[in-house]
């Protein structure tokens, strides 16, 4: 195994350990030490791959979303309900509270390197999503008068816009409720005319 393959394997072990721990004990109570212990790596190794636990969470969300989008490709049946479920699962899988969400946005926007990483992740996700949007258009589930690239971009704007507005507001409405209502409106807006 060459050096690059070893690095990817180590990165994957850290992500798998974090995902398991976040699922078992939640994001807030999971420490970097616990993640590195479960992954079988030194604490310093963690910081060779991720600048913080928040950075790791962003990476995991992208990883999860990408895997779910890939699973949808070639799966028979209507796509819109499954895309709605994907958004719901993303929110449920990575439970967010308002301070954490604000911290994630700060981290994402704090440096050019962090922003570039986030933009690359969105570009990859968009590339994976485009064939599904085209398929949904061909199936008559989504309007055809808008380019698929625009529809994918609008979906990202809807997701991140909902996240940031929810994180800034007072009140205790669950994110899952807000995201479900917002995407219900989104999908109605892109339904065939």
Protein backbone atom coordinates (compact mmCIF):
# COMPACT_ATOMS: atom_id res chain seq x y z
CA UNK A 1 0.00 0.00 0.00
CA UNK A 2 1.46 3.35 -1.00
CA UNK A 3 1.54 6.48 1.16
CA UNK A 4 -1.57 8.08 -0.38
CA UNK A 5 -3.60 4.91 0.15
CA UNK A 6 -2.49 4.77 3.79
CA UNK A 7 -3.53 8.41 4.26
CA UNK A 8 -6.96 7.73 2.78
CA UNK A 9 -7.35 4.65 4.98
CA UNK A 10 -6.44 6.66 8.10
CA UNK A 11 -8.85 9.44 7.13
CA UNK A 12 -11.61 6.86 6.57
CA UNK A 13 -10.92 5.22 9.97
CA UNK A 14 -11.21 8.61 11.71
CA UNK A 15 -14.49 9.35 9.91
CA UNK A 16 -15.93 5.90 10.67
CA UNK A 17 -14.98 6.21 14.34
CA UNK A 18 -16.49 9.69 14.58
CA UNK A 19 -19.69 8.63 12.86
CA UNK A 20 -20.10 5.68 15.23
CA UNK A 21 -19.42 7.83 18.31
CA UNK A 22 -21.66 10.69 17.16
CA UNK A 23 -24.45 8.14 16.64
CA UNK A 24 -23.88 6.48 20.02
CA UNK A 25 -23.29 9.45 22.30
CA UNK A 26 -24.04 12.56 20.26
CA UNK A 27 -21.82 15.23 18.78
CA UNK A 28 -21.45 17.44 21.84
CA UNK A 29 -20.22 14.72 24.20
CA UNK A 30 -17.87 13.08 21.72
CA UNK A 31 -14.29 14.29 22.14
CA UNK A 32 -11.41 14.27 19.67
CA UNK A 33 -9.63 11.94 22.13
CA UNK A 34 -12.49 9.44 21.97
CA UNK A 35 -12.50 9.58 18.17
CA UNK A 36 -8.76 9.00 17.90
CA UNK A 37 -8.88 6.18 20.45
CA UNK A 38 -11.63 4.38 18.54
CA UNK A 39 -9.84 4.98 15.22
CA UNK A 40 -6.55 3.71 16.65
CA UNK A 41 -4.58 6.85 15.80
CA UNK A 42 -2.72 9.48 17.80
CA UNK A 43 -4.49 12.74 18.64
CA UNK A 44 -1.98 14.66 16.52
CA UNK A 45 -2.86 12.47 13.55
CA UNK A 46 -6.46 13.69 13.78
CA UNK A 47 -5.26 17.27 13.23
CA UNK A 48 -3.30 16.23 10.14
CA UNK A 49 -6.66 15.54 8.51
CA UNK A 50 -9.15 17.87 10.21
CA UNK A 51 -8.68 21.29 11.81
CA UNK A 52 -11.40 20.62 14.39
CA UNK A 53 -14.29 18.37 15.32
CA UNK A 54 -16.57 20.85 13.49
CA UNK A 55 -14.47 20.45 10.33
CA UNK A 56 -14.85 16.68 10.64
CA UNK A 57 -18.63 17.01 11.01
CA UNK A 58 -18.85 19.08 7.81
CA UNK A 59 -16.80 16.45 6.02
CA UNK A 60 -19.04 13.67 7.35
CA UNK A 61 -22.19 15.47 6.22
CA UNK A 62 -20.78 15.80 2.72
CA UNK A 63 -19.64 12.17 2.75
CA UNK A 64 -23.07 10.97 3.90
CA UNK A 65 -24.93 13.12 1.36
CA UNK A 66 -22.66 11.95 -1.47
CA UNK A 67 -23.13 8.28 -0.56
CA UNK A 68 -26.90 8.70 -0.40
CA UNK A 69 -27.02 10.47 -3.77
CA UNK A 70 -24.91 7.69 -5.33
CA UNK A 71 -27.32 5.08 -3.89
CA UNK A 72 -30.25 6.84 -5.59
CA UNK A 73 -28.69 6.50 -9.03
CA UNK A 74 -30.29 3.66 -10.94
CA UNK A 75 -32.83 2.94 -8.21
CA UNK A 76 -36.26 2.47 -9.78
CA UNK A 77 -39.27 4.54 -8.80
CA UNK A 78 -40.04 8.20 -8.23
CA UNK A 79 -37.06 10.32 -7.24
CA UNK A 80 -38.66 13.33 -5.56
CA UNK A 81 -39.87 11.46 -2.44
CA UNK A 82 -36.44 9.85 -2.09
CA UNK A 83 -34.69 13.22 -2.45
CA UNK A 84 -36.98 14.59 0.27
CA UNK A 85 -36.08 11.62 2.45
CA UNK A 86 -32.39 12.24 1.81
CA UNK A 87 -32.68 15.80 3.18
CA UNK A 88 -34.64 14.55 6.18
CA UNK A 89 -32.09 11.78 6.86
CA UNK A 90 -29.22 14.26 6.61
CA UNK A 91 -30.84 16.44 9.27
CA UNK A 92 -31.72 13.47 11.51
CA UNK A 93 -28.32 11.77 11.15
CA UNK A 94 -26.37 14.87 12.13
CA UNK A 95 -28.42 16.46 14.86
CA UNK A 96 -27.59 20.13 15.01
CA UNK A 97 -28.22 22.69 17.67
CA UNK A 98 -28.13 26.41 17.00
CA UNK A 99 -24.70 27.18 18.55
CA UNK A 100 -23.13 24.23 16.70
CA UNK A 101 -24.69 25.32 13.41
CA UNK A 102 -23.39 28.87 13.85
CA UNK A 103 -19.93 27.48 14.70
CA UNK A 104 -19.97 25.31 11.58
CA UNK A 105 -20.78 28.31 9.40
CA UNK A 106 -18.01 30.30 11.09
CA UNK A 107 -15.58 27.49 10.45
CA UNK A 108 -16.70 27.13 6.85
CA UNK A 109 -16.24 30.83 6.16
CA UNK A 110 -13.21 31.52 8.39
CA UNK A 111 -10.43 30.85 5.91
CA UNK A 112 -10.01 30.58 2.17
CA UNK A 113 -8.83 27.00 2.60
CA UNK A 114 -11.99 26.02 4.52
CA UNK A 115 -14.19 27.79 1.99
CA UNK A 116 -12.38 26.12 -0.92
CA UNK A 117 -12.85 22.72 0.71
CA UNK A 118 -16.56 23.36 1.21
CA UNK A 119 -16.97 24.61 -2.37
CA UNK A 120 -15.19 21.52 -3.75
CA UNK A 121 -17.52 19.33 -1.72
CA UNK A 122 -20.57 21.18 -3.09
CA UNK A 123 -19.22 20.91 -6.65
CA UNK A 124 -18.77 17.14 -6.24
CA UNK A 125 -22.22 16.79 -4.73
CA UNK A 126 -23.74 18.88 -7.51
CA UNK A 127 -22.02 16.72 -10.13
CA UNK A 128 -23.47 13.59 -8.52
CA UNK A 129 -26.92 15.18 -8.18
CA UNK A 130 -27.25 16.43 -11.78
CA UNK A 131 -28.04 13.03 -13.37
CA UNK A 132 -30.79 12.53 -10.77
CA UNK A 133 -32.29 15.93 -11.53
CA UNK A 134 -32.20 15.11 -15.26
CA UNK A 135 -33.83 11.74 -14.58
CA UNK A 136 -36.55 13.41 -12.49
CA UNK A 137 -37.13 15.89 -15.31
CA UNK A 138 -37.40 13.08 -17.85
CA UNK A 139 -39.83 11.22 -15.54
CA UNK A 140 -42.02 14.33 -15.36
CA UNK A 141 -41.44 14.81 -11.60
CA UNK A 142 -39.59 18.13 -11.92
CA UNK A 143 -40.22 21.01 -14.30
CA UNK A 144 -38.17 20.99 -17.49
CA UNK A 145 -38.04 24.73 -18.11
CA UNK A 146 -35.14 25.21 -15.67
CA UNK A 147 -31.62 23.84 -16.23
CA UNK A 148 -30.68 20.99 -13.87
CA UNK A 149 -27.62 22.96 -12.69
CA UNK A 150 -29.91 25.79 -11.56
CA UNK A 151 -32.21 23.37 -9.74
CA UNK A 152 -29.28 21.76 -7.91
CA UNK A 153 -27.95 25.19 -6.94
CA UNK A 154 -31.39 26.19 -5.66
CA UNK A 155 -31.54 23.01 -3.56
CA UNK A 156 -28.20 23.88 -1.92
CA UNK A 157 -29.30 27.46 -1.32
CA UNK A 158 -32.53 26.21 0.22
CA UNK A 159 -30.67 23.82 2.52
CA UNK A 160 -27.98 26.25 3.68
CA UNK A 161 -30.37 29.21 3.81
CA UNK A 162 -32.71 27.26 6.05
CA UNK A 163 -29.83 26.19 8.27
CA UNK A 164 -28.45 29.68 8.77
CA UNK A 165 -31.81 31.39 9.32
CA UNK A 166 -32.86 28.67 11.78
CA UNK A 167 -29.54 29.02 13.65
CA UNK A 168 -29.94 32.81 13.98
CA UNK A 169 -33.54 32.81 15.21
CA UNK A 170 -34.71 32.64 18.81
CA UNK A 171 -37.11 29.83 19.61
CA UNK A 172 -36.93 26.09 19.84
CA UNK A 173 -38.49 24.82 16.61
CA UNK A 174 -36.68 21.61 15.66
CA UNK A 175 -34.48 21.87 12.58
CA UNK A 176 -36.12 18.75 11.14
CA UNK A 177 -39.52 20.47 11.20
CA UNK A 178 -38.19 23.62 9.55
CA UNK A 179 -36.24 21.69 6.90
CA UNK A 180 -39.22 19.44 6.10
CA UNK A 181 -41.55 22.43 5.59
CA UNK A 182 -38.98 24.34 3.56
CA UNK A 183 -38.23 21.46 1.21
CA UNK A 184 -41.91 20.68 0.83
CA UNK A 185 -42.30 24.21 -0.55
CA UNK A 186 -39.12 23.81 -2.63
CA UNK A 187 -40.36 20.63 -4.30
CA UNK A 188 -43.79 22.17 -4.94
CA UNK A 189 -42.01 25.09 -6.61
CA UNK A 190 -40.06 22.84 -8.99
CA UNK A 191 -42.97 20.52 -9.76
CA UNK A 192 -44.09 20.44 -13.41
CA UNK A 193 -46.23 23.44 -14.36
